Amino acid sequence: MTAVSTAPSLEALEEGFQNKIAALQICADLRGGWKEDTVIEFGQLKQEVQFIRQEIVRFKAIIASSKKDLLTAHTLLELMQGLCTRLTHMKTNLPSHLPRANANPTVTKVSPEQVVTDSDKKSKTNQEKQAPKKDTGKSSQTPTISYVTVKEFNDVPKYIRGRLQYDQVNVAIDEVNKTLETKYTLLRRPRAKLSEVDMKVVMACRQQENQETKGLYFVVDNDIKRWSGLKLDSNGRSIMTVLRTLKRLREVRGPGNLVRYAVLL
């Protein structure tokens, strides 16, 4: 085992060599010159020095490689810190409402005259066409208004949205959807299960329907006041205007001051 492999540090190795050289110098002085065994000792020291040089070269290569690894690690650290900052920002600013696909399929309106059954097609050459199917009315599933995206909101002209905040619009959508669901759930209930108060509400809702609202789902100001927490003040009116601009709602007016907010399917 050489002194190189046993030395705990470079300082200890240097001290060991100096001690050996000093001892050899003392031996040479005592002997009156350099004897053969002293020359052998110096030869061993020379081999150890050569080994040290080789180790230094190897350590330099390791240090150079470690520097490259350290630079790569710093780059990855900066990348991860950037991602962490972005994720923290996203978590802090995550909207309370996220856009979702409309769960209600679009219903294609077909007039009774256009309805033809499969049996009609197979037997139309041998017998008369069957009577057209009657319109069974509205679906039992009430359509909902889809949420507004940030891009859509920002695309609305400033003079329309004014000081409205993005979250306010989607909160209002929740309230309008709740009003739609409550209203049409009530309208679908059998008359026998309606209380006197509910019957008056249903009659009032039916009176608001006309030929122009056929097939539409709509609410009016009184519906929103009755079944939601949305206030139709200046902000509330601005929100309804934004929803009309974004093709979420359309207005059906009349008679008089009656305004219906119909869902665009």
C-alpha atoms as a PDB file:
ATOM      1  CA  MET A   1       0.000   0.000   0.000  1.00  0.00           C
ATOM      2  CA  THR A   2       1.550   3.288  -1.090  1.00  0.00           C
ATOM      3  CA  ALA A   3       1.611   6.567   0.784  1.00  0.00           C
ATOM      4  CA  VAL A   4      -0.673   8.019  -1.881  1.00  0.00           C
ATOM      5  CA  SER A   5      -3.497   5.587  -1.123  1.00  0.00           C
ATOM      6  CA  THR A   6      -3.173   5.927   2.654  1.00  0.00           C
ATOM      7  CA  ALA A   7      -2.789   9.698   2.960  1.00  0.00           C
ATOM      8  CA  PRO A   8      -6.073  11.330   4.157  1.00  0.00           C
ATOM      9  CA  SER A   9      -5.282  14.636   2.389  1.00  0.00           C
ATOM     10  CA  LEU A  10      -2.801  16.362   0.097  1.00  0.00           C
ATOM     11  CA  GLU A  11      -1.307  18.187   3.074  1.00  0.00           C
ATOM     12  CA  ALA A  12      -0.690  14.891   4.848  1.00  0.00           C
ATOM     13  CA  LEU A  13       0.846  13.428   1.693  1.00  0.00           C
ATOM     14  CA  GLU A  14       3.166  16.409   1.318  1.00  0.00           C
ATOM     15  CA  GLU A  15       4.207  16.153   4.959  1.00  0.00           C
ATOM     16  CA  GLY A  16       4.922  12.438   4.530  1.00  0.00           C
ATOM     17  CA  PHE A  17       7.163  13.032   1.531  1.00  0.00           C
ATOM     18  CA  GLN A  18       9.039  15.795   3.301  1.00  0.00           C
ATOM     19  CA  ASN A  19       9.625  13.531   6.272  1.00  0.00           C
ATOM     20  CA  LYS A  20      10.908  10.745   4.009  1.00  0.00           C
ATOM     21  CA  ILE A  21      13.234  13.075   2.124  1.00  0.00           C
ATOM     22  CA  ALA A  22      14.537  14.516   5.394  1.00  0.00           C
ATOM     23  CA  ALA A  23      15.155  11.012   6.755  1.00  0.00           C
ATOM     24  CA  LEU A  24      16.967   9.973   3.578  1.00  0.00           C
ATOM     25  CA  GLN A  25      19.082  13.118   3.711  1.00  0.00           C
ATOM     26  CA  ILE A  26      20.028  12.323   7.307  1.00  0.00           C
ATOM     27  CA  CYS A  27      20.895   8.729   6.322  1.00  0.00           C
ATOM     28  CA  ALA A  28      23.043   9.976   3.461  1.00  0.00           C
ATOM     29  CA  ASP A  29      24.869  12.366   5.762  1.00  0.00           C
ATOM     30  CA  LEU A  30      25.466   9.666   8.350  1.00  0.00           C
ATOM     31  CA  ARG A  31      26.767   7.213   5.762  1.00  0.00           C
ATOM     32  CA  GLY A  32      28.993   9.779   4.143  1.00  0.00           C
ATOM     33  CA  GLY A  33      27.197   9.614   0.769  1.00  0.00           C
ATOM     34  CA  TRP A  34      24.418   7.974  -1.170  1.00  0.00           C
ATOM     35  CA  LYS A  35      24.399   4.211  -0.766  1.00  0.00           C
ATOM     36  CA  GLU A  36      22.485   1.724  -2.902  1.00  0.00           C
ATOM     37  CA  ASP A  37      19.584   1.327  -0.481  1.00  0.00           C
ATOM     38  CA  THR A  38      19.177   5.117  -0.335  1.00  0.00           C
ATOM     39  CA  VAL A  39      18.989   5.253  -4.134  1.00  0.00           C
ATOM     40  CA  ILE A  40      16.297   2.547  -4.032  1.00  0.00           C
ATOM     41  CA  GLU A  41      14.295   4.636  -1.549  1.00  0.00           C
ATOM     42  CA  PHE A  42      14.473   7.650  -3.855  1.00  0.00           C
ATOM     43  CA  GLY A  43      13.428   5.455  -6.756  1.00  0.00           C
ATOM     44  CA  GLN A  44      10.318   4.451  -4.822  1.00  0.00           C
ATOM     45  CA  LEU A  45       9.635   8.086  -4.061  1.00  0.00           C
ATOM     46  CA  LYS A  46       9.909   8.859  -7.769  1.00  0.00           C
ATOM     47  CA  GLN A  47       7.346   6.176  -8.601  1.00  0.00           C
ATOM     48  CA  GLU A  48       4.977   7.548  -6.021  1.00  0.00           C
ATOM     49  CA  VAL A  49       5.367  11.057  -7.450  1.00  0.00           C
ATOM     50  CA  GLN A  50       4.549   9.739 -10.934  1.00  0.00           C
ATOM     51  CA  PHE A  51       1.497   7.985  -9.506  1.00  0.00           C
ATOM     52  CA  ILE A  52       0.437  11.256  -7.869  1.00  0.00           C
ATOM     53  CA  ARG A  53       0.706  13.044 -11.230  1.00  0.00           C
ATOM     54  CA  GLN A  54      -1.538  10.434 -12.844  1.00  0.00           C
ATOM     55  CA  GLU A  55      -4.057  10.785 -10.027  1.00  0.00           C
ATOM     56  CA  ILE A  56      -4.023  14.574 -10.386  1.00  0.00           C
ATOM     57  CA  VAL A  57      -4.805  14.232 -14.111  1.00  0.00           C
ATOM     58  CA  ARG A  58      -7.656  11.855 -13.270  1.00  0.00           C
ATOM     59  CA  PHE A  59      -9.012  14.169 -10.583  1.00  0.00           C
ATOM     60  CA  LYS A  60      -8.864  17.133 -12.985  1.00  0.00           C
ATOM     61  CA  ALA A  61     -10.983  15.171 -15.478  1.00  0.00           C
ATOM     62  CA  ILE A  62     -13.466  14.321 -12.696  1.00  0.00           C
ATOM     63  CA  ILE A  63     -13.618  17.985 -11.626  1.00  0.00           C
ATOM     64  CA  ALA A  64     -14.210  19.119 -15.226  1.00  0.00           C
ATOM     65  CA  SER A  65     -17.008  16.578 -15.624  1.00  0.00           C
ATOM     66  CA  SER A  66     -18.488  17.614 -12.272  1.00  0.00           C
ATOM     67  CA  LYS A  67     -18.474  21.256 -13.359  1.00  0.00           C
ATOM     68  CA  LYS A  68     -20.503  20.341 -16.446  1.00  0.00           C
ATOM     69  CA  ASP A  69     -22.917  18.342 -14.293  1.00  0.00           C
ATOM     70  CA  LEU A  70     -23.187  21.288 -11.919  1.00  0.00           C
ATOM     71  CA  LEU A  71     -24.020  23.669 -14.771  1.00  0.00           C
ATOM     72  CA  THR A  72     -26.678  21.242 -16.020  1.00  0.00           C
ATOM     73  CA  ALA A  73     -28.082  20.995 -12.486  1.00  0.00           C
ATOM     74  CA  HIS A  74     -28.228  24.812 -12.213  1.00  0.00           C
ATOM     75  CA  THR A  75     -30.070  24.994 -15.535  1.00  0.00           C
ATOM     76  CA  LEU A  76     -32.572  22.361 -14.410  1.00  0.00           C
ATOM     77  CA  LEU A  77     -32.986  24.153 -11.089  1.00  0.00           C
ATOM     78  CA  GLU A  78     -33.824  27.423 -12.842  1.00  0.00           C
ATOM     79  CA  LEU A  79     -36.270  25.573 -15.085  1.00  0.00           C
ATOM     80  CA  MET A  80     -37.970  23.912 -12.116  1.00  0.00           C
ATOM     81  CA  GLN A  81     -38.116  27.214 -10.229  1.00  0.00           C
ATOM     82  CA  GLY A  82     -39.776  28.816 -13.262  1.00  0.00           C
ATOM     83  CA  LEU A  83     -42.305  25.977 -13.485  1.00  0.00           C
ATOM     84  CA  CYS A  84     -42.939  26.214  -9.746  1.00  0.00           C
ATOM     85  CA  THR A  85     -43.582  29.958 -10.067  1.00  0.00           C
ATOM     86  CA  ARG A  86     -46.001  29.388 -12.945  1.00  0.00           C
ATOM     87  CA  LEU A  87     -47.836  26.622 -11.090  1.00  0.00           C
ATOM     88  CA  THR A  88     -48.110  28.807  -7.987  1.00  0.00           C
ATOM     89  CA  HIS A  89     -49.513  31.635 -10.112  1.00  0.00           C
ATOM     90  CA  MET A  90     -51.989  29.254 -11.753  1.00  0.00           C
ATOM     91  CA  LYS A  91     -53.070  27.879  -8.378  1.00  0.00           C
ATOM     92  CA  THR A  92     -53.502  31.371  -6.941  1.00  0.00           C
ATOM     93  CA  ASN A  93     -55.388  32.696  -9.979  1.00  0.00           C
ATOM     94  CA  LEU A  94     -57.407  29.613 -10.885  1.00  0.00           C
ATOM     95  CA  PRO A  95     -60.901  30.800 -11.927  1.00  0.00           C
ATOM     96  CA  SER A  96     -63.747  29.612  -9.761  1.00  0.00           C
ATOM     97  CA  HIS A  97     -65.527  28.531 -12.957  1.00  0.00           C
ATOM     98  CA  LEU A  98     -64.003  26.604 -15.834  1.00  0.00           C
ATOM     99  CA  PRO A  99     -65.563  26.319 -19.299  1.00  0.00           C
ATOM    100  CA  ARG A 100     -67.168  22.985 -20.006  1.00  0.00           C
ATOM    101  CA  ALA A 101     -68.789  21.400 -22.998  1.00  0.00           C
ATOM    102  CA  ASN A 102     -72.542  21.759 -23.092  1.00  0.00           C
ATOM    103  CA  ALA A 103     -73.869  18.493 -21.764  1.00  0.00           C
ATOM    104  CA  ASN A 104     -77.158  19.007 -23.587  1.00  0.00           C
ATOM    105  CA  PRO A 105     -77.083  17.826 -27.197  1.00  0.00           C
ATOM    106  CA  THR A 106     -78.323  20.259 -29.789  1.00  0.00           C
ATOM    107  CA  VAL A 107     -81.818  19.322 -30.845  1.00  0.00           C
ATOM    108  CA  THR A 108     -82.634  19.777 -34.513  1.00  0.00           C
ATOM    109  CA  LYS A 109     -86.086  21.172 -34.920  1.00  0.00           C
ATOM    110  CA  VAL A 110     -88.172  19.173 -37.367  1.00  0.00           C
ATOM    111  CA  SER A 111     -91.665  20.102 -38.402  1.00  0.00           C
ATOM    112  CA  PRO A 112     -94.331  17.400 -38.085  1.00  0.00           C
ATOM    113  CA  GLU A 113     -94.629  17.233 -41.888  1.00  0.00           C
ATOM    114  CA  GLN A 114     -90.960  16.218 -42.142  1.00  0.00           C
ATOM    115  CA  VAL A 115     -91.224  13.263 -39.733  1.00  0.00           C
ATOM    116  CA  VAL A 116     -91.237   9.946 -41.587  1.00  0.00           C
ATOM    117  CA  THR A 117     -90.867   6.604 -39.851  1.00  0.00           C
ATOM    118  CA  ASP A 118     -88.768   3.699 -41.122  1.00  0.00           C
ATOM    119  CA  SER A 119     -91.878   1.683 -41.794  1.00  0.00           C
ATOM    120  CA  ASP A 120     -93.137   4.497 -44.036  1.00  0.00           C
ATOM    121  CA  LYS A 121     -89.945   4.318 -46.107  1.00  0.00           C
ATOM    122  CA  LYS A 122     -90.223   0.536 -46.536  1.00  0.00           C
ATOM    123  CA  SER A 123     -93.880   0.474 -47.445  1.00  0.00           C
ATOM    124  CA  LYS A 124     -94.444   3.846 -49.089  1.00  0.00           C
ATOM    125  CA  THR A 125     -94.845   2.214 -52.534  1.00  0.00           C
ATOM    126  CA  ASN A 126     -97.619  -0.132 -51.334  1.00  0.00           C
ATOM    127  CA  GLN A 127     -99.538   1.911 -48.798  1.00  0.00           C
ATOM    128  CA  GLU A 128    -100.251   5.418 -47.741  1.00  0.00           C
ATOM    129  CA  LYS A 129     -97.849   7.257 -45.512  1.00  0.00           C
ATOM    130  CA  GLN A 130     -98.624   7.170 -41.831  1.00  0.00           C
ATOM    131  CA  ALA A 131     -99.835  10.332 -40.149  1.00  0.00           C
ATOM    132  CA  PRO A 132     -96.965  12.611 -39.061  1.00  0.00           C
ATOM    133  CA  LYS A 133     -95.854  12.384 -35.448  1.00  0.00           C
ATOM    134  CA  LYS A 134     -97.037  15.097 -33.148  1.00  0.00           C
ATOM    135  CA  ASP A 135     -94.608  17.374 -31.408  1.00  0.00           C
ATOM    136  CA  THR A 136     -94.374  16.033 -27.864  1.00  0.00           C
ATOM    137  CA  GLY A 137     -93.157  19.371 -26.568  1.00  0.00           C
ATOM    138  CA  LYS A 138     -89.892  20.316 -24.862  1.00  0.00           C
ATOM    139  CA  SER A 139     -87.324  17.830 -23.676  1.00  0.00           C
ATOM    140  CA  SER A 140     -87.366  16.828 -20.034  1.00  0.00           C
ATOM    141  CA  GLN A 141     -83.780  18.069 -19.814  1.00  0.00           C
ATOM    142  CA  THR A 142     -83.338  21.811 -19.381  1.00  0.00           C
ATOM    143  CA  PRO A 143     -80.459  23.307 -21.395  1.00  0.00           C
ATOM    144  CA  THR A 144     -77.812  25.321 -19.608  1.00  0.00           C
ATOM    145  CA  ILE A 145     -75.620  28.259 -20.538  1.00  0.00           C
ATOM    146  CA  SER A 146     -71.956  27.316 -20.959  1.00  0.00           C
ATOM    147  CA  TYR A 147     -69.312  29.238 -19.049  1.00  0.00           C
ATOM    148  CA  VAL A 148     -67.431  32.130 -20.639  1.00  0.00           C
ATOM    149  CA  THR A 149     -63.694  31.700 -21.255  1.00  0.00           C
ATOM    150  CA  VAL A 150     -61.144  34.353 -20.363  1.00  0.00           C
ATOM    151  CA  LYS A 151     -60.450  34.970 -24.059  1.00  0.00           C
ATOM    152  CA  GLU A 152     -64.138  35.430 -24.820  1.00  0.00           C
ATOM    153  CA  PHE A 153     -64.489  37.854 -21.924  1.00  0.00           C
ATOM    154  CA  ASN A 154     -61.460  39.880 -23.022  1.00  0.00           C
ATOM    155  CA  ASP A 155     -62.794  40.007 -26.595  1.00  0.00           C
ATOM    156  CA  VAL A 156     -65.963  41.760 -25.430  1.00  0.00           C
ATOM    157  CA  PRO A 157     -65.587  45.489 -26.147  1.00  0.00           C
ATOM    158  CA  LYS A 158     -64.658  47.534 -23.103  1.00  0.00           C
ATOM    159  CA  TYR A 159     -67.672  49.820 -23.497  1.00  0.00           C
ATOM    160  CA  ILE A 160     -69.952  46.778 -23.089  1.00  0.00           C
ATOM    161  CA  ARG A 161     -68.324  45.006 -20.140  1.00  0.00           C
ATOM    162  CA  GLY A 162     -67.329  48.219 -18.346  1.00  0.00           C
ATOM    163  CA  ARG A 163     -65.902  47.393 -14.921  1.00  0.00           C
ATOM    164  CA  LEU A 164     -67.207  43.839 -14.842  1.00  0.00           C
ATOM    165  CA  GLN A 165     -64.824  41.142 -13.647  1.00  0.00           C
ATOM    166  CA  TYR A 166     -64.501  37.784 -15.366  1.00  0.00           C
ATOM    167  CA  ASP A 167     -65.683  35.796 -12.341  1.00  0.00           C
ATOM    168  CA  GLN A 168     -68.832  37.921 -12.026  1.00  0.00           C
ATOM    169  CA  VAL A 169     -70.036  36.749 -15.439  1.00  0.00           C
ATOM    170  CA  ASN A 170     -69.693  33.039 -14.665  1.00  0.00           C
ATOM    171  CA  VAL A 171     -71.285  33.465 -11.234  1.00  0.00           C
ATOM    172  CA  ALA A 172     -74.249  35.076 -13.013  1.00  0.00           C
ATOM    173  CA  ILE A 173     -74.376  32.149 -15.453  1.00  0.00           C
ATOM    174  CA  ASP A 174     -74.727  29.805 -12.475  1.00  0.00           C
ATOM    175  CA  GLU A 175     -77.653  31.866 -11.205  1.00  0.00           C
ATOM    176  CA  VAL A 176     -79.402  31.967 -14.598  1.00  0.00           C
ATOM    177  CA  ASN A 177     -78.915  28.211 -15.032  1.00  0.00           C
ATOM    178  CA  LYS A 178     -80.390  27.647 -11.576  1.00  0.00           C
ATOM    179  CA  THR A 179     -83.372  29.801 -12.532  1.00  0.00           C
ATOM    180  CA  LEU A 180     -83.887  27.873 -15.776  1.00  0.00           C
ATOM    181  CA  GLU A 181     -83.755  24.513 -14.021  1.00  0.00           C
ATOM    182  CA  THR A 182     -86.158  25.593 -11.255  1.00  0.00           C
ATOM    183  CA  LYS A 183     -88.630  27.167 -13.680  1.00  0.00           C
ATOM    184  CA  TYR A 184     -88.875  24.279 -16.138  1.00  0.00           C
ATOM    185  CA  THR A 185     -88.897  21.653 -13.395  1.00  0.00           C
ATOM    186  CA  LEU A 186     -91.952  23.445 -12.037  1.00  0.00           C
ATOM    187  CA  LEU A 187     -93.565  23.700 -15.482  1.00  0.00           C
ATOM    188  CA  ARG A 188     -93.155  19.954 -16.027  1.00  0.00           C
ATOM    189  CA  ARG A 189     -94.907  19.021 -12.793  1.00  0.00           C
ATOM    190  CA  PRO A 190     -98.455  17.651 -13.111  1.00  0.00           C
ATOM    191  CA  ARG A 191    -101.192  20.108 -12.268  1.00  0.00           C
ATOM    192  CA  ALA A 192    -102.470  17.826  -9.524  1.00  0.00           C
ATOM    193  CA  LYS A 193     -99.175  18.187  -7.648  1.00  0.00           C
ATOM    194  CA  LEU A 194     -99.079  21.991  -7.798  1.00  0.00           C
ATOM    195  CA  SER A 195     -99.973  24.146  -4.833  1.00  0.00           C
ATOM    196  CA  GLU A 196    -102.145  27.205  -5.288  1.00  0.00           C
ATOM    197  CA  VAL A 197     -99.089  29.472  -5.235  1.00  0.00           C
ATOM    198  CA  ASP A 198     -97.215  27.287  -7.719  1.00  0.00           C
ATOM    199  CA  MET A 199    -100.262  27.204  -9.989  1.00  0.00           C
ATOM    200  CA  LYS A 200    -100.287  31.007 -10.142  1.00  0.00           C
ATOM    201  CA  VAL A 201     -96.593  31.029 -10.993  1.00  0.00           C
ATOM    202  CA  VAL A 202     -97.101  28.419 -13.728  1.00  0.00           C
ATOM    203  CA  MET A 203    -100.007  30.366 -15.208  1.00  0.00           C
ATOM    204  CA  ALA A 204     -97.906  33.546 -15.232  1.00  0.00           C
ATOM    205  CA  CYS A 205     -95.059  31.685 -16.981  1.00  0.00           C
ATOM    206  CA  ARG A 206     -97.446  30.215 -19.579  1.00  0.00           C
ATOM    207  CA  GLN A 207     -98.831  33.668 -20.334  1.00  0.00           C
ATOM    208  CA  GLN A 208     -95.319  34.814 -21.261  1.00  0.00           C
ATOM    209  CA  GLU A 209     -95.097  32.207 -24.009  1.00  0.00           C
ATOM    210  CA  ASN A 210     -96.107  32.999 -27.575  1.00  0.00           C
ATOM    211  CA  GLN A 211     -95.447  31.843 -31.111  1.00  0.00           C
ATOM    212  CA  GLU A 212     -91.999  33.462 -31.101  1.00  0.00           C
ATOM    213  CA  THR A 213     -90.910  31.575 -27.968  1.00  0.00           C
ATOM    214  CA  LYS A 214     -92.013  28.160 -29.224  1.00  0.00           C
ATOM    215  CA  GLY A 215     -89.190  25.677 -28.648  1.00  0.00           C
ATOM    216  CA  LEU A 216     -87.183  28.197 -26.596  1.00  0.00           C
ATOM    217  CA  TYR A 217     -86.142  28.057 -22.959  1.00  0.00           C
ATOM    218  CA  PHE A 218     -86.227  31.509 -21.405  1.00  0.00           C
ATOM    219  CA  VAL A 219     -86.429  33.432 -18.155  1.00  0.00           C
ATOM    220  CA  VAL A 220     -87.695  36.909 -17.358  1.00  0.00           C
ATOM    221  CA  ASP A 221     -86.743  39.444 -14.695  1.00  0.00           C
ATOM    222  CA  ASN A 222     -89.284  38.111 -12.205  1.00  0.00           C
ATOM    223  CA  ASP A 223     -87.970  34.560 -12.630  1.00  0.00           C
ATOM    224  CA  ILE A 224     -84.437  35.696 -11.839  1.00  0.00           C
ATOM    225  CA  LYS A 225     -85.594  37.650  -8.783  1.00  0.00           C
ATOM    226  CA  ARG A 226     -87.753  34.732  -7.586  1.00  0.00           C
ATOM    227  CA  TRP A 227     -85.315  31.825  -8.045  1.00  0.00           C
ATOM    228  CA  SER A 228     -81.789  33.235  -7.939  1.00  0.00           C
ATOM    229  CA  GLY A 229     -79.517  35.608  -6.071  1.00  0.00           C
ATOM    230  CA  LEU A 230     -78.624  37.612  -9.170  1.00  0.00           C
ATOM    231  CA  LYS A 231     -79.458  41.283  -8.796  1.00  0.00           C
ATOM    232  CA  LEU A 232     -80.571  42.988 -11.973  1.00  0.00           C
ATOM    233  CA  ASP A 233     -78.946  46.303 -11.117  1.00  0.00           C
ATOM    234  CA  SER A 234     -76.563  48.110 -13.478  1.00  0.00           C
ATOM    235  CA  ASN A 235     -73.990  45.322 -13.128  1.00  0.00           C
ATOM    236  CA  GLY A 236     -76.614  42.632 -13.652  1.00  0.00           C
ATOM    237  CA  ARG A 237     -77.875  44.328 -16.804  1.00  0.00           C
ATOM    238  CA  SER A 238     -74.312  44.648 -18.066  1.00  0.00           C
ATOM    239  CA  ILE A 239     -73.777  40.925 -17.510  1.00  0.00           C
ATOM    240  CA  MET A 240     -76.904  40.071 -19.513  1.00  0.00           C
ATOM    241  CA  THR A 241     -75.623  42.338 -22.309  1.00  0.00           C
ATOM    242  CA  VAL A 242     -72.272  40.512 -22.251  1.00  0.00           C
ATOM    243  CA  LEU A 243     -74.071  37.157 -22.501  1.00  0.00           C
ATOM    244  CA  ARG A 244     -76.068  38.413 -25.474  1.00  0.00           C
ATOM    245  CA  THR A 245     -72.875  39.681 -27.118  1.00  0.00           C
ATOM    246  CA  LEU A 246     -71.251  36.267 -26.635  1.00  0.00           C
ATOM    247  CA  LYS A 247     -74.286  34.479 -28.124  1.00  0.00           C
ATOM    248  CA  ARG A 248     -75.217  32.769 -24.866  1.00  0.00           C
ATOM    249  CA  LEU A 249     -78.628  34.468 -24.717  1.00  0.00           C
ATOM    250  CA  ARG A 250     -80.941  36.397 -26.979  1.00  0.00           C
ATOM    251  CA  GLU A 251     -83.764  38.737 -26.093  1.00  0.00           C
ATOM    252  CA  VAL A 252     -87.380  38.194 -27.069  1.00  0.00           C
ATOM    253  CA  ARG A 253     -89.298  41.395 -26.298  1.00  0.00           C
ATOM    254  CA  GLY A 254     -92.944  42.267 -25.929  1.00  0.00           C
ATOM    255  CA  PRO A 255     -95.657  42.872 -25.342  1.00  0.00           C
ATOM    256  CA  GLY A 256     -94.911  46.072 -23.476  1.00  0.00           C
ATOM    257  CA  ASN A 257     -91.792  46.090 -21.334  1.00  0.00           C
ATOM    258  CA  LEU A 258     -91.564  42.298 -21.079  1.00  0.00           C
ATOM    259  CA  VAL A 259     -88.072  41.025 -21.895  1.00  0.00           C
ATOM    260  CA  ARG A 260     -87.355  37.305 -22.174  1.00  0.00           C
ATOM    261  CA  TYR A 261     -83.789  36.002 -21.976  1.00  0.00           C
ATOM    262  CA  ALA A 262     -83.745  32.887 -24.162  1.00  0.00           C
ATOM    263  CA  VAL A 263     -80.944  30.315 -24.166  1.00  0.00           C
ATOM    264  CA  LEU A 264     -79.221  29.907 -27.513  1.00  0.00           C
ATOM    265  CA  LEU A 265     -78.871  26.176 -28.180  1.00  0.00           C
END
